[in-house]
Each structure stands twice: as C-alpha cells, then as structure tokens.
N, C-alpha and C. Protein backbone atom coordinates (compact mmCIF):
# COMPACT_ATOMS: atom_id res chain seq x y z
N MET A 1 71.27 -29.91 42.70
CA MET A 1 71.36 -29.18 44.04
C MET A 1 70.52 -28.67 44.35
N PRO A 2 69.20 -27.99 43.82
CA PRO A 2 68.30 -27.94 44.61
C PRO A 2 67.19 -28.92 45.68
N LYS A 3 67.73 -30.20 45.37
CA LYS A 3 66.72 -31.23 45.77
C LYS A 3 67.59 -31.46 47.61
N PHE A 4 69.10 -31.60 47.32
CA PHE A 4 69.36 -31.37 48.86
C PHE A 4 69.18 -29.85 49.83
N LYS A 5 68.61 -28.92 48.57
CA LYS A 5 68.11 -27.87 49.95
C LYS A 5 67.24 -28.62 50.68
N ARG A 6 66.44 -28.73 50.62
CA ARG A 6 65.05 -29.81 51.18
C ARG A 6 65.76 -31.00 52.21
N LEU A 7 66.92 -31.20 51.78
CA LEU A 7 67.39 -32.31 52.96
C LEU A 7 68.22 -31.73 54.00
N LYS A 8 68.95 -30.66 53.68
CA LYS A 8 68.83 -29.35 54.72
C LYS A 8 68.62 -29.67 55.29
N ALA A 9 67.49 -28.95 55.58
CA ALA A 9 66.24 -28.47 56.19
C ALA A 9 66.14 -29.39 57.25
N LEU A 10 66.86 -30.90 57.50
CA LEU A 10 66.33 -32.10 58.31
C LEU A 10 67.57 -32.05 59.56
N LEU A 11 68.56 -31.47 58.34
CA LEU A 11 70.25 -30.63 59.26
C LEU A 11 69.56 -29.85 60.59
N ASP A 12 69.14 -28.37 60.90
CA ASP A 12 68.70 -27.35 61.24
C ASP A 12 69.02 -27.97 63.13
N LYS A 13 70.08 -26.99 63.44
CA LYS A 13 70.28 -27.50 64.26
C LYS A 13 69.25 -26.46 65.75
N SER A 14 68.98 -25.11 65.17
CA SER A 14 68.18 -24.65 65.78
C SER A 14 66.73 -25.71 66.44
N ALA A 15 66.16 -26.07 64.72
CA ALA A 15 65.20 -26.30 65.12
C ALA A 15 65.01 -28.19 66.35
N TRP A 16 66.71 -28.64 65.66
CA TRP A 16 66.44 -29.85 66.77
C TRP A 16 66.87 -29.56 68.54
N LEU A 17 67.27 -28.47 69.15
CA LEU A 17 67.45 -28.12 69.55
C LEU A 17 65.96 -27.57 70.04
N LEU A 18 65.27 -27.02 69.54
CA LEU A 18 63.73 -27.13 70.54
C LEU A 18 63.05 -28.47 70.16
N ILE A 19 63.58 -29.22 69.31
CA ILE A 19 62.81 -30.97 69.51
C ILE A 19 63.35 -31.62 70.32
N LEU A 20 64.16 -31.70 70.73
CA LEU A 20 64.55 -33.17 71.34
C LEU A 20 64.38 -32.67 72.40
N PRO A 21 65.08 -31.54 73.37
CA PRO A 21 64.45 -31.87 74.83
C PRO A 21 63.08 -31.83 75.22
N SER A 22 62.22 -31.16 74.07
CA SER A 22 60.66 -31.25 74.25
C SER A 22 60.31 -33.31 74.28
N LEU A 23 61.32 -33.64 72.68
CA LEU A 23 60.55 -35.26 73.23
C LEU A 23 61.26 -36.19 74.01
N LEU A 24 62.24 -35.53 74.57
CA LEU A 24 61.79 -36.64 76.07
C LEU A 24 61.55 -36.15 77.16
N ALA A 25 61.24 -34.75 77.26
CA ALA A 25 60.48 -34.40 78.34
C ALA A 25 59.12 -35.43 77.96
N LEU A 26 58.42 -34.84 76.77
CA LEU A 26 57.09 -35.74 76.12
C LEU A 26 57.27 -37.65 76.81
N PHE A 27 58.53 -37.73 76.86
CA PHE A 27 58.60 -39.12 77.07
C PHE A 27 58.55 -39.34 78.09
N LEU A 28 58.79 -38.71 79.43
CA LEU A 28 59.15 -38.74 80.61
C LEU A 28 57.86 -39.07 81.11
N ILE A 29 57.21 -37.73 80.79
CA ILE A 29 55.52 -37.47 81.40
C ILE A 29 54.63 -37.94 80.44
N ASP A 30 54.57 -38.19 79.37
CA ASP A 30 53.40 -39.22 78.59
C ASP A 30 53.84 -40.27 77.33
N THR A 31 54.52 -41.72 77.55
CA THR A 31 54.67 -41.59 76.06
C THR A 31 53.58 -42.22 75.17
N ALA A 32 52.74 -42.71 75.64
CA ALA A 32 51.69 -43.08 74.52
C ALA A 32 51.35 -41.41 73.76
N MET A 33 51.98 -40.42 74.34
CA MET A 33 51.35 -38.92 73.08
C MET A 33 52.88 -38.74 72.54
N LEU A 34 53.79 -39.59 72.75
CA LEU A 34 55.04 -39.43 72.43
C LEU A 34 54.61 -40.42 70.57
N GLN A 35 53.82 -41.59 71.03
CA GLN A 35 54.37 -42.36 69.72
C GLN A 35 53.25 -41.81 69.06
N THR A 36 51.17 -41.36 69.62
CA THR A 36 50.92 -40.48 68.81
C THR A 36 51.66 -39.76 67.88
N LEU A 37 52.65 -38.37 68.54
CA LEU A 37 53.31 -37.51 67.31
C LEU A 37 53.77 -38.90 66.57
N ILE A 38 54.65 -39.33 67.13
CA ILE A 38 55.60 -40.24 66.15
C ILE A 38 54.19 -40.68 65.09
N GLN A 39 53.66 -40.70 65.09
CA GLN A 39 52.76 -41.87 64.45
C GLN A 39 51.76 -40.47 63.43
N TRP A 40 52.02 -39.78 63.81
CA TRP A 40 51.65 -38.31 62.99
C TRP A 40 52.50 -37.55 62.35
N LEU A 41 53.81 -37.48 62.57
CA LEU A 41 55.15 -37.43 61.50
C LEU A 41 55.11 -38.29 60.44
N VAL A 42 54.87 -39.50 61.10
CA VAL A 42 55.51 -40.50 59.78
C VAL A 42 53.98 -39.80 58.72
N PHE A 43 52.96 -40.14 59.66
CA PHE A 43 51.79 -39.69 58.68
C PHE A 43 51.12 -38.67 57.81
N ALA A 44 52.27 -36.99 58.23
CA ALA A 44 52.17 -36.39 57.46
C ALA A 44 52.29 -36.24 56.71
N PRO A 45 53.42 -36.22 55.53
CA PRO A 45 54.61 -36.71 54.96
C PRO A 45 53.39 -37.09 53.73
N VAL A 46 52.62 -38.69 53.92
CA VAL A 46 51.57 -38.92 53.04
C VAL A 46 50.68 -37.77 53.10
N LEU A 47 49.89 -37.10 53.43
CA LEU A 47 48.65 -36.01 53.67
C LEU A 47 49.37 -34.49 52.84
N ALA A 48 50.36 -34.77 52.81
CA ALA A 48 50.78 -33.13 52.24
C ALA A 48 51.27 -33.97 50.90
N GLY A 49 52.19 -35.43 50.67
CA GLY A 49 52.22 -35.66 49.05
C GLY A 49 50.53 -35.38 48.75
N LEU A 50 49.33 -36.31 49.47
CA LEU A 50 48.16 -36.31 48.40
C LEU A 50 47.64 -35.26 48.35
N ALA A 51 48.03 -33.81 49.46
CA ALA A 51 47.41 -32.30 48.96
C ALA A 51 47.95 -32.28 47.71
N ILE A 52 49.29 -32.23 47.51
CA ILE A 52 50.11 -32.08 46.27
C ILE A 52 49.64 -32.32 44.79
N ILE A 53 48.99 -33.63 44.86
CA ILE A 53 48.72 -34.46 44.37
C ILE A 53 47.16 -33.82 43.97
N VAL A 54 47.06 -33.99 44.85
CA VAL A 54 45.01 -32.93 44.56
C VAL A 54 45.15 -31.78 43.67
N SER A 55 46.13 -31.62 44.46
CA SER A 55 46.47 -29.83 43.60
C SER A 55 46.56 -29.35 42.02
N ARG A 56 47.57 -31.04 41.96
CA ARG A 56 47.85 -30.65 40.69
C ARG A 56 47.27 -31.27 39.69
N VAL A 57 46.16 -32.25 40.29
CA VAL A 57 44.97 -32.72 39.40
C VAL A 57 43.91 -31.47 39.39
N VAL A 58 43.53 -30.19 39.88
CA VAL A 58 42.37 -29.37 40.05
C VAL A 58 43.17 -28.31 39.06
N PHE A 59 44.16 -27.79 39.35
CA PHE A 59 45.08 -27.04 38.54
C PHE A 59 46.33 -27.57 37.97
N PRO A 60 45.98 -28.00 36.32
CA PRO A 60 47.31 -28.60 35.99
C PRO A 60 47.55 -27.84 35.25
N GLN A 61 47.20 -26.37 34.94
CA GLN A 61 47.60 -25.52 34.19
C GLN A 61 48.87 -24.45 35.19
N ILE A 62 48.65 -24.72 36.81
CA ILE A 62 49.99 -23.68 37.36
C ILE A 62 50.48 -24.25 37.96
N HIS A 63 52.00 -23.83 37.68
CA HIS A 63 53.07 -24.37 37.99
C HIS A 63 54.11 -23.22 38.81
N LEU A 64 53.87 -23.87 39.87
CA LEU A 64 54.41 -22.61 41.53
C LEU A 64 56.20 -22.31 41.31
N SER A 65 56.71 -23.03 40.50
CA SER A 65 58.32 -22.43 40.02
C SER A 65 57.73 -21.36 39.25
N THR A 66 57.22 -21.49 37.90
CA THR A 66 57.29 -20.56 37.42
C THR A 66 56.20 -18.82 37.89
N LEU A 67 55.72 -19.01 38.59
CA LEU A 67 55.04 -18.07 39.64
C LEU A 67 56.01 -17.37 40.19
N VAL A 68 56.76 -18.52 40.97
CA VAL A 68 57.57 -17.44 41.73
C VAL A 68 58.86 -16.48 41.19
N GLU A 69 59.21 -16.95 39.46
CA GLU A 69 60.14 -16.29 39.22
C GLU A 69 59.38 -15.19 38.33
N GLN A 70 57.92 -14.63 38.22
CA GLN A 70 56.81 -13.86 37.67
C GLN A 70 57.39 -13.05 39.13
N ILE A 71 56.78 -13.08 40.23
CA ILE A 71 56.19 -12.69 41.07
C ILE A 71 58.55 -12.21 41.60
N ARG A 72 59.32 -12.49 41.63
CA ARG A 72 60.35 -11.94 41.37
C ARG A 72 60.56 -10.52 40.82
N GLN A 73 60.04 -10.31 39.67
CA GLN A 73 59.78 -9.98 38.46
C GLN A 73 59.03 -8.75 38.98
N GLY A 74 57.95 -9.04 40.19
CA GLY A 74 57.24 -7.98 40.49
C GLY A 74 55.60 -8.05 40.35
N ASN A 75 55.75 -9.15 39.59
CA ASN A 75 53.84 -9.20 39.32
C ASN A 75 53.11 -9.62 40.04
N ILE A 76 52.56 -8.71 40.71
CA ILE A 76 51.18 -9.04 41.51
C ILE A 76 50.28 -10.04 41.22
N ALA A 77 49.73 -10.19 40.38
CA ALA A 77 48.98 -11.19 40.50
C ALA A 77 49.76 -12.41 40.30
N ALA A 78 50.38 -12.41 39.92
CA ALA A 78 51.14 -14.27 40.16
C ALA A 78 51.30 -14.38 41.49
N GLY A 79 51.88 -13.51 42.46
CA GLY A 79 51.89 -13.18 43.84
C GLY A 79 50.25 -13.73 44.58
N LEU A 80 49.23 -13.22 44.62
CA LEU A 80 47.98 -13.86 44.30
C LEU A 80 47.73 -15.47 44.08
N LEU A 81 47.99 -15.71 42.96
CA LEU A 81 47.85 -16.61 42.54
C LEU A 81 48.18 -17.66 43.43
N ALA A 82 49.95 -17.36 43.49
CA ALA A 82 50.32 -18.43 44.08
C ALA A 82 49.83 -18.77 45.80
N SER A 83 49.57 -17.10 46.35
CA SER A 83 48.95 -17.36 47.58
C SER A 83 47.84 -18.35 47.88
N ALA A 84 46.89 -18.23 46.64
CA ALA A 84 45.86 -18.74 46.86
C ALA A 84 45.61 -20.55 46.56
N LEU A 85 47.03 -20.56 45.87
CA LEU A 85 47.18 -22.31 45.80
C LEU A 85 47.81 -22.81 46.74
N VAL A 86 49.01 -22.24 47.79
CA VAL A 86 49.12 -21.91 48.87
C VAL A 86 48.19 -22.47 50.21
N LEU A 87 47.41 -21.33 49.78
CA LEU A 87 45.96 -21.73 50.43
C LEU A 87 44.90 -22.52 50.13
N PHE A 88 44.60 -23.13 48.99
CA PHE A 88 44.18 -24.22 48.62
C PHE A 88 44.79 -25.83 48.67
N VAL A 89 46.08 -25.82 48.98
CA VAL A 89 46.62 -27.15 49.73
C VAL A 89 46.66 -26.89 51.25
N ALA A 90 46.53 -26.12 51.65
CA ALA A 90 46.69 -26.46 53.32
C ALA A 90 45.13 -26.57 53.20
N ILE A 91 44.08 -26.04 53.27
CA ILE A 91 43.29 -26.61 53.38
C ILE A 91 42.92 -27.76 52.92
N VAL A 92 43.33 -28.14 52.27
CA VAL A 92 42.99 -29.77 51.03
C VAL A 92 43.92 -30.66 52.53
N ILE A 93 45.20 -29.80 53.20
CA ILE A 93 46.18 -31.01 54.25
C ILE A 93 44.95 -31.14 55.59
N MET A 94 44.76 -29.77 55.63
CA MET A 94 43.19 -29.30 56.87
C MET A 94 42.14 -30.39 56.61
N ALA A 95 41.92 -30.81 55.62
CA ALA A 95 40.10 -31.65 55.37
C ALA A 95 40.65 -33.27 55.60
N LEU A 96 42.21 -33.57 54.95
CA LEU A 96 42.96 -34.83 55.30
C LEU A 96 42.91 -35.11 56.72
N VAL A 97 43.24 -34.15 57.35
CA VAL A 97 43.30 -34.37 58.44
C VAL A 97 42.70 -34.86 59.83
N ILE A 98 41.41 -33.86 58.68
CA ILE A 98 40.59 -34.13 59.65
C ILE A 98 39.12 -35.55 59.28
N TRP A 99 39.59 -35.56 58.32
CA TRP A 99 39.02 -36.64 57.51
C TRP A 99 39.79 -38.52 58.74
N ALA A 100 41.03 -38.06 58.23
CA ALA A 100 42.01 -39.09 59.03
C ALA A 100 41.38 -39.13 61.01
N LYS A 101 41.29 -37.82 61.43
CA LYS A 101 40.77 -37.78 62.64
C LYS A 101 39.89 -39.26 62.87
N ALA A 102 38.68 -39.10 62.04
CA ALA A 102 36.86 -39.30 61.85
C ALA A 102 36.95 -40.54 62.44
C-alpha cells in the first residue's frame, strides 16, 4: 500500500491546477522553453535516482525508514542524521544538474 502513496501524488488536483494553465501559457508564449521544461522533467527522475544510489553507496549503514521511526520516538540525533542525509542527497542532485548542464 505505501507504493500507491507515491503514485497518488501524481493525481493531486491542486498541483495540476497550477501546472496545466501555466503549461498552456508557456506553450503559447515560448514552445522551445516548454520543450526544454519537458525534457528536464523527464531527466529529473534519472538524476534523483542516481543521487539515491550515490547516497546508498556512500552511507550503506543509514536507513531513512529506521531514522523516521526513531524521530517519531523523539530521537533528536536521528533527526539530525536524517536532515544531513537529505541535505547530502540535495547537494548530489544539484551537482548532477550542474554537471548535466555543462
């Protein structure tokens, strides 16, 4: 059932209310920019997946789901570690984006 939660995010009406009119406006104003946006949206999950793989190779002993359970129990150190892991993945994604644009 948790896997369906991820797919359910794709059906968020509020998000689509923001996205669709903007896509239409972008199509009417600058189709090349729309094409670039679509290409990056297709490429973004690849970069995110690579960042996850890098984080799991660099920190194989850290399991985010375990940290979340400990955070719910009030473990501040687990919260700090989870924050550091999220920051690390964000920096790796940024590095991959900068690398991809070079």
